[in-house]
Structure formats: structure tokens, C-alpha cells
Amino acid sequence: MKMREILALLAVVPLFLVMGMSFVGVPWPTELHEVPVYDGTGGHGIANSLFETFAVTLVLIALVLAAAMIGGIYLAKVDEAGKVGP
């Protein structure tokens, strides 16, 4: 094995051990709980809370993510390395 692979392995193994131990120590609930996603009566659903409080923020985040995806596809389609534009 190369030195770089050994160092990567030494970095990844403790990370996965810490992640595994953090899941083992959690007291997970044993019974099912119903999470209200949407309540048509204007109740306490998650969607109701998000869109009442953060409507403009969610729309702006959606636009930024859409622009980033379109830009990523455009840059991936470039034929020549270093060339920008059609």
C-alpha cells in the first residue's frame, strides 16, 4: 500500500468508529410516532410551519439550487478544457 492510502485509512477508521459509537449510545424509541407533515385545517404540520414562516427563504434557496444545477450541467458539457461559452 502506498503512504497516501495508509494515511487515508488512518483517518477514515477513527471517523467511522466515532460515528458508530454515537449511534450505539442513543436510546432509540421503540414505538412509532406519527409526525404530521401537512394539516389541512391549519394545524401544526411541518409543511404548514415551514411555508408560513420561511416561504421567501425557501423560494430563494430553490432558485439558487436550480441555478447551480444548470451551471454545473453547462460546465460539464463544455467540449474543450478551459473554454467557456458555446
PDB file of N, CA and C in Angstrom:
ATOM      1  N   MET A   1       0.837  -1.191   0.000  1.00  0.00           N
ATOM      2  CA  MET A   1       0.000   0.000   0.000  1.00  0.00           C
ATOM      3  C   MET A   1       0.874   1.243   0.000  1.00  0.00           C
ATOM      4  N   LYS A   2       0.371   2.234  -0.651  1.00  0.00           N
ATOM      5  CA  LYS A   2       1.094   3.496  -0.705  1.00  0.00           C
ATOM      6  C   LYS A   2       0.871   4.270   0.594  1.00  0.00           C
ATOM      7  N   MET A   3       1.756   5.207   0.835  1.00  0.00           N
ATOM      8  CA  MET A   3       1.677   6.009   2.060  1.00  0.00           C
ATOM      9  C   MET A   3       0.367   6.806   2.122  1.00  0.00           C
ATOM     10  N   ARG A   4      -0.078   7.315   0.977  1.00  0.00           N
ATOM     11  CA  ARG A   4      -1.315   8.092   0.940  1.00  0.00           C
ATOM     12  C   ARG A   4      -2.513   7.231   1.329  1.00  0.00           C
ATOM     13  N   GLU A   5      -2.560   5.994   0.862  1.00  0.00           N
ATOM     14  CA  GLU A   5      -3.662   5.093   1.200  1.00  0.00           C
ATOM     15  C   GLU A   5      -3.648   4.732   2.677  1.00  0.00           C
ATOM     16  N   ILE A   6      -2.480   4.574   3.250  1.00  0.00           N
ATOM     17  CA  ILE A   6      -2.373   4.268   4.680  1.00  0.00           C
ATOM     18  C   ILE A   6      -2.875   5.445   5.507  1.00  0.00           C
ATOM     19  N   LEU A   7      -2.476   6.664   5.127  1.00  0.00           N
ATOM     20  CA  LEU A   7      -2.938   7.850   5.856  1.00  0.00           C
ATOM     21  C   LEU A   7      -4.454   8.029   5.733  1.00  0.00           C
ATOM     22  N   ALA A   8      -4.991   7.757   4.551  1.00  0.00           N
ATOM     23  CA  ALA A   8      -6.441   7.852   4.372  1.00  0.00           C
ATOM     24  C   ALA A   8      -7.159   6.831   5.237  1.00  0.00           C
ATOM     25  N   LEU A   9      -6.611   5.638   5.303  1.00  0.00           N
ATOM     26  CA  LEU A   9      -7.204   4.598   6.144  1.00  0.00           C
ATOM     27  C   LEU A   9      -7.137   4.978   7.619  1.00  0.00           C
ATOM     28  N   LEU A  10      -6.016   5.565   8.040  1.00  0.00           N
ATOM     29  CA  LEU A  10      -5.880   6.001   9.436  1.00  0.00           C
ATOM     30  C   LEU A  10      -6.826   7.150   9.774  1.00  0.00           C
ATOM     31  N   ALA A  11      -7.234   7.915   8.785  1.00  0.00           N
ATOM     32  CA  ALA A  11      -8.181   8.998   9.030  1.00  0.00           C
ATOM     33  C   ALA A  11      -9.619   8.508   9.017  1.00  0.00           C
ATOM     34  N   VAL A  12      -9.920   7.522   8.163  1.00  0.00           N
ATOM     35  CA  VAL A  12     -11.300   7.073   7.992  1.00  0.00           C
ATOM     36  C   VAL A  12     -11.740   6.128   9.104  1.00  0.00           C
ATOM     37  N   VAL A  13     -10.865   5.246   9.540  1.00  0.00           N
ATOM     38  CA  VAL A  13     -11.251   4.256  10.559  1.00  0.00           C
ATOM     39  C   VAL A  13     -11.704   4.921  11.856  1.00  0.00           C
ATOM     40  N   PRO A  14     -10.952   5.881  12.421  1.00  0.00           N
ATOM     41  CA  PRO A  14     -11.468   6.529  13.645  1.00  0.00           C
ATOM     42  C   PRO A  14     -12.767   7.279  13.422  1.00  0.00           C
ATOM     43  N   LEU A  15     -12.933   7.873  12.228  1.00  0.00           N
ATOM     44  CA  LEU A  15     -14.175   8.580  11.932  1.00  0.00           C
ATOM     45  C   LEU A  15     -15.368   7.629  11.996  1.00  0.00           C
ATOM     46  N   PHE A  16     -15.254   6.470  11.370  1.00  0.00           N
ATOM     47  CA  PHE A  16     -16.353   5.513  11.381  1.00  0.00           C
ATOM     48  C   PHE A  16     -16.562   4.910  12.779  1.00  0.00           C
ATOM     49  N   LEU A  17     -15.511   4.757  13.533  1.00  0.00           N
ATOM     50  CA  LEU A  17     -15.674   4.270  14.908  1.00  0.00           C
ATOM     51  C   LEU A  17     -16.442   5.273  15.757  1.00  0.00           C
ATOM     52  N   VAL A  18     -16.110   6.550  15.631  1.00  0.00           N
ATOM     53  CA  VAL A  18     -16.829   7.584  16.391  1.00  0.00           C
ATOM     54  C   VAL A  18     -18.284   7.644  15.944  1.00  0.00           C
ATOM     55  N   MET A  19     -18.526   7.569  14.629  1.00  0.00           N
ATOM     56  CA  MET A  19     -19.908   7.593  14.141  1.00  0.00           C
ATOM     57  C   MET A  19     -20.680   6.383  14.641  1.00  0.00           C
ATOM     58  N   GLY A  20     -20.078   5.212  14.603  1.00  0.00           N
ATOM     59  CA  GLY A  20     -20.744   4.005  15.080  1.00  0.00           C
ATOM     60  C   GLY A  20     -21.054   4.062  16.564  1.00  0.00           C
ATOM     61  N   MET A  21     -20.112   4.538  17.360  1.00  0.00           N
ATOM     62  CA  MET A  21     -20.337   4.627  18.803  1.00  0.00           C
ATOM     63  C   MET A  21     -21.405   5.666  19.143  1.00  0.00           C
ATOM     64  N   SER A  22     -21.518   6.709  18.327  1.00  0.00           N
ATOM     65  CA  SER A  22     -22.548   7.709  18.607  1.00  0.00           C
ATOM     66  C   SER A  22     -23.943   7.153  18.353  1.00  0.00           C
ATOM     67  N   PHE A  23     -24.083   6.227  17.402  1.00  0.00           N
ATOM     68  CA  PHE A  23     -25.384   5.618  17.158  1.00  0.00           C
ATOM     69  C   PHE A  23     -25.717   4.543  18.177  1.00  0.00           C
ATOM     70  N   VAL A  24     -24.711   3.895  18.718  1.00  0.00           N
ATOM     71  CA  VAL A  24     -24.958   2.819  19.678  1.00  0.00           C
ATOM     72  C   VAL A  24     -25.488   3.376  20.991  1.00  0.00           C
ATOM     73  N   GLY A  25     -25.009   4.539  21.417  1.00  0.00           N
ATOM     74  CA  GLY A  25     -25.382   5.087  22.714  1.00  0.00           C
ATOM     75  C   GLY A  25     -26.710   5.829  22.747  1.00  0.00           C
ATOM     76  N   VAL A  26     -27.406   5.936  21.623  1.00  0.00           N
ATOM     77  CA  VAL A  26     -28.656   6.698  21.578  1.00  0.00           C
ATOM     78  C   VAL A  26     -29.824   5.810  22.001  1.00  0.00           C
ATOM     79  N   PRO A  27     -30.651   6.282  22.932  1.00  0.00           N
ATOM     80  CA  PRO A  27     -31.843   5.498  23.307  1.00  0.00           C
ATOM     81  C   PRO A  27     -32.948   5.691  22.264  1.00  0.00           C
ATOM     82  N   TRP A  28     -32.978   4.844  21.253  1.00  0.00           N
ATOM     83  CA  TRP A  28     -33.955   4.965  20.180  1.00  0.00           C
ATOM     84  C   TRP A  28     -35.342   4.594  20.685  1.00  0.00           C
ATOM     85  N   PRO A  29     -36.378   5.322  20.251  1.00  0.00           N
ATOM     86  CA  PRO A  29     -37.740   4.967  20.667  1.00  0.00           C
ATOM     87  C   PRO A  29     -38.166   3.642  20.046  1.00  0.00           C
ATOM     88  N   THR A  30     -38.924   2.875  20.801  1.00  0.00           N
ATOM     89  CA  THR A  30     -39.353   1.573  20.316  1.00  0.00           C
ATOM     90  C   THR A  30     -40.756   1.604  19.721  1.00  0.00           C
ATOM     91  N   GLU A  31     -41.512   2.651  19.979  1.00  0.00           N
ATOM     92  CA  GLU A  31     -42.860   2.740  19.435  1.00  0.00           C
ATOM     93  C   GLU A  31     -42.901   3.785  18.323  1.00  0.00           C
ATOM     94  N   LEU A  32     -43.835   3.651  17.415  1.00  0.00           N
ATOM     95  CA  LEU A  32     -43.959   4.571  16.297  1.00  0.00           C
ATOM     96  C   LEU A  32     -44.667   5.847  16.728  1.00  0.00           C
ATOM     97  N   HIS A  33     -44.187   6.971  16.204  1.00  0.00           N
ATOM     98  CA  HIS A  33     -44.820   8.259  16.454  1.00  0.00           C
ATOM     99  C   HIS A  33     -45.237   8.848  15.113  1.00  0.00           C
ATOM    100  N   GLU A  34     -46.421   9.367  15.056  1.00  0.00           N
ATOM    101  CA  GLU A  34     -46.913   9.982  13.834  1.00  0.00           C
ATOM    102  C   GLU A  34     -46.438  11.430  13.780  1.00  0.00           C
ATOM    103  N   VAL A  35     -45.730  11.771  12.700  1.00  0.00           N
ATOM    104  CA  VAL A  35     -45.269  13.139  12.504  1.00  0.00           C
ATOM    105  C   VAL A  35     -46.203  13.800  11.500  1.00  0.00           C
ATOM    106  N   PRO A  36     -46.931  14.832  11.909  1.00  0.00           N
ATOM    107  CA  PRO A  36     -47.863  15.477  10.978  1.00  0.00           C
ATOM    108  C   PRO A  36     -47.103  16.290   9.932  1.00  0.00           C
ATOM    109  N   VAL A  37     -47.167  15.852   8.669  1.00  0.00           N
ATOM    110  CA  VAL A  37     -46.476  16.567   7.612  1.00  0.00           C
ATOM    111  C   VAL A  37     -47.316  17.744   7.141  1.00  0.00           C
ATOM    112  N   TYR A  38     -48.591  17.525   6.912  1.00  0.00           N
ATOM    113  CA  TYR A  38     -49.479  18.594   6.468  1.00  0.00           C
ATOM    114  C   TYR A  38     -50.810  18.429   7.163  1.00  0.00           C
ATOM    115  N   ASP A  39     -51.328  19.519   7.656  1.00  0.00           N
ATOM    116  CA  ASP A  39     -52.633  19.512   8.292  1.00  0.00           C
ATOM    117  C   ASP A  39     -53.498  20.530   7.568  1.00  0.00           C
ATOM    118  N   GLY A  40     -54.501  20.062   6.840  1.00  0.00           N
ATOM    119  CA  GLY A  40     -55.345  20.933   6.034  1.00  0.00           C
ATOM    120  C   GLY A  40     -56.166  21.923   6.827  1.00  0.00           C
ATOM    121  N   THR A  41     -56.319  21.702   8.103  1.00  0.00           N
ATOM    122  CA  THR A  41     -57.111  22.610   8.929  1.00  0.00           C
ATOM    123  C   THR A  41     -56.276  23.753   9.480  1.00  0.00           C
ATOM    124  N   GLY A  42     -55.019  23.887   9.018  1.00  0.00           N
ATOM    125  CA  GLY A  42     -54.169  24.964   9.523  1.00  0.00           C
ATOM    126  C   GLY A  42     -53.535  24.617  10.847  1.00  0.00           C
ATOM    127  N   GLY A  43     -53.339  23.354  11.089  1.00  0.00           N
ATOM    128  CA  GLY A  43     -52.798  22.906  12.370  1.00  0.00           C
ATOM    129  C   GLY A  43     -51.291  23.019  12.465  1.00  0.00           C
ATOM    130  N   HIS A  44     -50.695  21.986  13.009  1.00  0.00           N
ATOM    131  CA  HIS A  44     -49.286  22.029  13.373  1.00  0.00           C
ATOM    132  C   HIS A  44     -48.413  21.157  12.485  1.00  0.00           C
ATOM    133  N   GLY A  45     -48.723  21.034  11.219  1.00  0.00           N
ATOM    134  CA  GLY A  45     -47.918  20.224  10.319  1.00  0.00           C
ATOM    135  C   GLY A  45     -46.569  20.870  10.030  1.00  0.00           C
ATOM    136  N   ILE A  46     -45.591  20.045   9.649  1.00  0.00           N
ATOM    137  CA  ILE A  46     -44.256  20.563   9.346  1.00  0.00           C
ATOM    138  C   ILE A  46     -44.313  21.476   8.130  1.00  0.00           C
ATOM    139  N   ALA A  47     -45.030  21.067   7.084  1.00  0.00           N
ATOM    140  CA  ALA A  47     -45.131  21.885   5.878  1.00  0.00           C
ATOM    141  C   ALA A  47     -45.814  23.218   6.186  1.00  0.00           C
ATOM    142  N   ASN A  48     -46.836  23.184   7.015  1.00  0.00           N
ATOM    143  CA  ASN A  48     -47.517  24.431   7.385  1.00  0.00           C
ATOM    144  C   ASN A  48     -46.539  25.394   8.056  1.00  0.00           C
ATOM    145  N   SER A  49     -45.758  24.894   8.978  1.00  0.00           N
ATOM    146  CA  SER A  49     -44.821  25.744   9.707  1.00  0.00           C
ATOM    147  C   SER A  49     -43.747  26.314   8.791  1.00  0.00           C
ATOM    148  N   LEU A  50     -43.208  25.480   7.901  1.00  0.00           N
ATOM    149  CA  LEU A  50     -42.145  25.954   7.009  1.00  0.00           C
ATOM    150  C   LEU A  50     -42.639  27.010   6.042  1.00  0.00           C
ATOM    151  N   PHE A  51     -43.782  26.760   5.404  1.00  0.00           N
ATOM    152  CA  PHE A  51     -44.235  27.683   4.384  1.00  0.00           C
ATOM    153  C   PHE A  51     -44.882  28.932   4.956  1.00  0.00           C
ATOM    154  N   GLU A  52     -45.332  28.917   6.188  1.00  0.00           N
ATOM    155  CA  GLU A  52     -45.851  30.142   6.790  1.00  0.00           C
ATOM    156  C   GLU A  52     -44.709  31.041   7.243  1.00  0.00           C
ATOM    157  N   THR A  53     -43.661  30.455   7.808  1.00  0.00           N
ATOM    158  CA  THR A  53     -42.581  31.243   8.394  1.00  0.00           C
ATOM    159  C   THR A  53     -41.478  31.560   7.395  1.00  0.00           C
ATOM    160  N   PHE A  54     -41.089  30.586   6.579  1.00  0.00           N
ATOM    161  CA  PHE A  54     -39.909  30.727   5.734  1.00  0.00           C
ATOM    162  C   PHE A  54     -40.222  30.624   4.245  1.00  0.00           C
ATOM    163  N   ALA A  55     -41.346  31.138   3.796  1.00  0.00           N
ATOM    164  CA  ALA A  55     -41.759  30.977   2.396  1.00  0.00           C
ATOM    165  C   ALA A  55     -40.772  31.634   1.437  1.00  0.00           C
ATOM    166  N   VAL A  56     -40.402  32.881   1.687  1.00  0.00           N
ATOM    167  CA  VAL A  56     -39.495  33.598   0.791  1.00  0.00           C
ATOM    168  C   VAL A  56     -38.116  32.944   0.807  1.00  0.00           C
ATOM    169  N   THR A  57     -37.655  32.518   1.962  1.00  0.00           N
ATOM    170  CA  THR A  57     -36.357  31.866   2.074  1.00  0.00           C
ATOM    171  C   THR A  57     -36.325  30.564   1.290  1.00  0.00           C
ATOM    172  N   LEU A  58     -37.370  29.765   1.374  1.00  0.00           N
ATOM    173  CA  LEU A  58     -37.416  28.504   0.634  1.00  0.00           C
ATOM    174  C   LEU A  58     -37.427  28.732  -0.870  1.00  0.00           C
ATOM    175  N   VAL A  59     -38.130  29.737  -1.327  1.00  0.00           N
ATOM    176  CA  VAL A  59     -38.163  30.028  -2.762  1.00  0.00           C
ATOM    177  C   VAL A  59     -36.789  30.487  -3.235  1.00  0.00           C
ATOM    178  N   LEU A  60     -36.101  31.337  -2.465  1.00  0.00           N
ATOM    179  CA  LEU A  60     -34.774  31.798  -2.845  1.00  0.00           C
ATOM    180  C   LEU A  60     -33.763  30.654  -2.858  1.00  0.00           C
ATOM    181  N   ILE A  61     -33.843  29.771  -1.894  1.00  0.00           N
ATOM    182  CA  ILE A  61     -32.945  28.608  -1.866  1.00  0.00           C
ATOM    183  C   ILE A  61     -33.206  27.717  -3.082  1.00  0.00           C
ATOM    184  N   ALA A  62     -34.466  27.528  -3.443  1.00  0.00           N
ATOM    185  CA  ALA A  62     -34.797  26.717  -4.612  1.00  0.00           C
ATOM    186  C   ALA A  62     -34.232  27.337  -5.885  1.00  0.00           C
ATOM    187  N   LEU A  63     -34.304  28.652  -6.020  1.00  0.00           N
ATOM    188  CA  LEU A  63     -33.761  29.318  -7.203  1.00  0.00           C
ATOM    189  C   LEU A  63     -32.241  29.206  -7.268  1.00  0.00           C
ATOM    190  N   VAL A  64     -31.568  29.368  -6.143  1.00  0.00           N
ATOM    191  CA  VAL A  64     -30.105  29.250  -6.114  1.00  0.00           C
ATOM    192  C   VAL A  64     -29.679  27.830  -6.456  1.00  0.00           C
ATOM    193  N   LEU A  65     -30.355  26.837  -5.900  1.00  0.00           N
ATOM    194  CA  LEU A  65     -30.011  25.448  -6.214  1.00  0.00           C
ATOM    195  C   LEU A  65     -30.272  25.116  -7.680  1.00  0.00           C
ATOM    196  N   ALA A  66     -31.350  25.624  -8.235  1.00  0.00           N
ATOM    197  CA  ALA A  66     -31.640  25.388  -9.649  1.00  0.00           C
ATOM    198  C   ALA A  66     -30.575  26.030 -10.527  1.00  0.00           C
ATOM    199  N   ALA A  67     -30.165  27.251 -10.206  1.00  0.00           N
ATOM    200  CA  ALA A  67     -29.116  27.922 -10.979  1.00  0.00           C
ATOM    201  C   ALA A  67     -27.798  27.167 -10.874  1.00  0.00           C
ATOM    202  N   ALA A  68     -27.494  26.633  -9.697  1.00  0.00           N
ATOM    203  CA  ALA A  68     -26.255  25.873  -9.527  1.00  0.00           C
ATOM    204  C   ALA A  68     -26.287  24.580 -10.342  1.00  0.00           C
ATOM    205  N   MET A  69     -27.423  23.914 -10.385  1.00  0.00           N
ATOM    206  CA  MET A  69     -27.526  22.677 -11.169  1.00  0.00           C
ATOM    207  C   MET A  69     -27.407  22.968 -12.661  1.00  0.00           C
ATOM    208  N   ILE A  70     -28.049  24.023 -13.133  1.00  0.00           N
ATOM    209  CA  ILE A  70     -27.954  24.381 -14.548  1.00  0.00           C
ATOM    210  C   ILE A  70     -26.521  24.771 -14.896  1.00  0.00           C
ATOM    211  N   GLY A  71     -25.868  25.532 -14.042  1.00  0.00           N
ATOM    212  CA  GLY A  71     -24.472  25.911 -14.277  1.00  0.00           C
ATOM    213  C   GLY A  71     -23.548  24.709 -14.267  1.00  0.00           C
ATOM    214  N   GLY A  72     -23.782  23.763 -13.371  1.00  0.00           N
ATOM    215  CA  GLY A  72     -22.958  22.558 -13.333  1.00  0.00           C
ATOM    216  C   GLY A  72     -23.113  21.727 -14.585  1.00  0.00           C
ATOM    217  N   ILE A  73     -24.332  21.615 -15.082  1.00  0.00           N
ATOM    218  CA  ILE A  73     -24.564  20.868 -16.323  1.00  0.00           C
ATOM    219  C   ILE A  73     -23.908  21.587 -17.498  1.00  0.00           C
ATOM    220  N   TYR A  74     -24.000  22.899 -17.522  1.00  0.00           N
ATOM    221  CA  TYR A  74     -23.387  23.684 -18.600  1.00  0.00           C
ATOM    222  C   TYR A  74     -21.873  23.495 -18.597  1.00  0.00           C
ATOM    223  N   LEU A  75     -21.253  23.572 -17.423  1.00  0.00           N
ATOM    224  CA  LEU A  75     -19.803  23.408 -17.345  1.00  0.00           C
ATOM    225  C   LEU A  75     -19.377  21.981 -17.662  1.00  0.00           C
ATOM    226  N   ALA A  76     -20.212  21.010 -17.351  1.00  0.00           N
ATOM    227  CA  ALA A  76     -19.874  19.620 -17.655  1.00  0.00           C
ATOM    228  C   ALA A  76     -19.969  19.345 -19.148  1.00  0.00           C
ATOM    229  N   LYS A  77     -20.777  20.095 -19.873  1.00  0.00           N
ATOM    230  CA  LYS A  77     -20.956  19.889 -21.305  1.00  0.00           C
ATOM    231  C   LYS A  77     -19.906  20.597 -22.146  1.00  0.00           C
ATOM    232  N   VAL A  78     -19.020  21.392 -21.568  1.00  0.00           N
ATOM    233  CA  VAL A  78     -18.005  22.113 -22.331  1.00  0.00           C
ATOM    234  C   VAL A  78     -17.098  21.101 -23.021  1.00  0.00           C
ATOM    235  N   ASP A  79     -16.901  21.300 -24.330  1.00  0.00           N
ATOM    236  CA  ASP A  79     -16.130  20.347 -25.128  1.00  0.00           C
ATOM    237  C   ASP A  79     -14.626  20.442 -24.881  1.00  0.00           C
ATOM    238  N   GLU A  80     -14.103  21.654 -24.836  1.00  0.00           N
ATOM    239  CA  GLU A  80     -12.668  21.841 -24.673  1.00  0.00           C
ATOM    240  C   GLU A  80     -12.362  22.293 -23.252  1.00  0.00           C
ATOM    241  N   ALA A  81     -11.279  21.761 -22.712  1.00  0.00           N
ATOM    242  CA  ALA A  81     -10.893  22.150 -21.356  1.00  0.00           C
ATOM    243  C   ALA A  81     -10.458  23.620 -21.346  1.00  0.00           C
ATOM    244  N   GLY A  82     -10.980  24.375 -20.411  1.00  0.00           N
ATOM    245  CA  GLY A  82     -10.627  25.778 -20.272  1.00  0.00           C
ATOM    246  C   GLY A  82     -11.467  26.717 -21.106  1.00  0.00           C
ATOM    247  N   LYS A  83     -12.266  26.200 -22.015  1.00  0.00           N
ATOM    248  CA  LYS A  83     -13.107  27.037 -22.861  1.00  0.00           C
ATOM    249  C   LYS A  83     -14.428  27.310 -22.139  1.00  0.00           C
ATOM    250  N   VAL A  84     -14.816  28.569 -22.113  1.00  0.00           N
ATOM    251  CA  VAL A  84     -16.075  28.949 -21.507  1.00  0.00           C
ATOM    252  C   VAL A  84     -16.955  29.549 -22.584  1.00  0.00           C
ATOM    253  N   GLY A  85     -18.154  29.105 -22.682  1.00  0.00           N
ATOM    254  CA  GLY A  85     -19.084  29.631 -23.680  1.00  0.00           C
ATOM    255  C   GLY A  85     -19.304  28.634 -24.805  1.00  0.00           C
ATOM    256  N   PRO A  86     -20.290  28.915 -25.656  1.00  0.00           N
ATOM    257  CA  PRO A  86     -20.627  27.972 -26.734  1.00  0.00           C
ATOM    258  C   PRO A  86     -19.607  27.916 -27.839  1.00  0.00           C
TER     259      PRO A  86
END
